């Protein structure tokens, strides 16, 4: 939850559907950062 707050303390949108979309975008960004941090291992030989 702390990482979500780093992207902005509160929701900018007032409409509920837009708030949901805003959260989905934030989650997608966090998932992308997580994916970048996972090492890719390949077999050698």
Protein backbone atom coordinates (compact mmCIF):
# COMPACT_ATOMS: atom_id res chain seq x y z
CA UNK A 1 0.00 0.00 0.00
CA UNK A 2 2.92 2.31 0.64
CA UNK A 3 4.05 1.95 -2.98
CA UNK A 4 0.59 2.92 -4.22
CA UNK A 5 0.74 6.07 -2.09
CA UNK A 6 4.06 6.98 -3.69
CA UNK A 7 2.22 7.36 -6.98
CA UNK A 8 -0.08 9.92 -5.38
CA UNK A 9 -1.64 10.32 -1.95
CA UNK A 10 -5.25 10.42 -3.10
CA UNK A 11 -7.35 9.72 -6.13
CA UNK A 12 -7.70 12.58 -8.57
CA UNK A 13 -10.92 11.36 -10.19
CA UNK A 14 -14.26 12.05 -8.52
CA UNK A 15 -16.41 9.54 -10.40
CA UNK A 16 -16.25 5.98 -9.03
CA UNK A 17 -15.66 4.35 -12.44
CA UNK A 18 -12.78 6.72 -13.12
CA UNK A 19 -11.33 6.02 -9.68
CA UNK A 20 -11.37 2.32 -10.52
CA UNK A 21 -9.59 3.01 -13.81
CA UNK A 22 -7.03 5.18 -12.04
CA UNK A 23 -6.26 2.41 -9.55
CA UNK A 24 -5.94 -0.12 -12.36
CA UNK A 25 -3.36 2.10 -14.06
CA UNK A 26 -1.41 2.46 -10.80
CA UNK A 27 -1.45 -1.32 -10.30
CA UNK A 28 -0.26 -1.86 -13.88
CA UNK A 29 2.66 0.51 -13.27
CA UNK A 30 3.60 -1.28 -10.05
CA UNK A 31 3.39 -4.67 -11.77
CA UNK A 32 5.70 -3.40 -14.52
CA UNK A 33 8.26 -2.20 -11.98
CA UNK A 34 8.05 -5.55 -10.22
CA UNK A 35 8.56 -7.39 -13.53
CA UNK A 36 11.64 -5.29 -14.25
CA UNK A 37 13.13 -6.32 -10.90
CA UNK A 38 12.73 -10.07 -11.45
CA UNK A 39 15.90 -11.62 -12.90
CA UNK A 40 15.63 -13.70 -16.05
CA UNK A 41 17.58 -16.93 -15.71
CA UNK A 42 18.76 -18.90 -18.71
CA UNK A 43 20.41 -22.32 -18.73
CA UNK A 44 24.10 -22.35 -19.64
CA UNK A 45 25.63 -25.06 -21.73
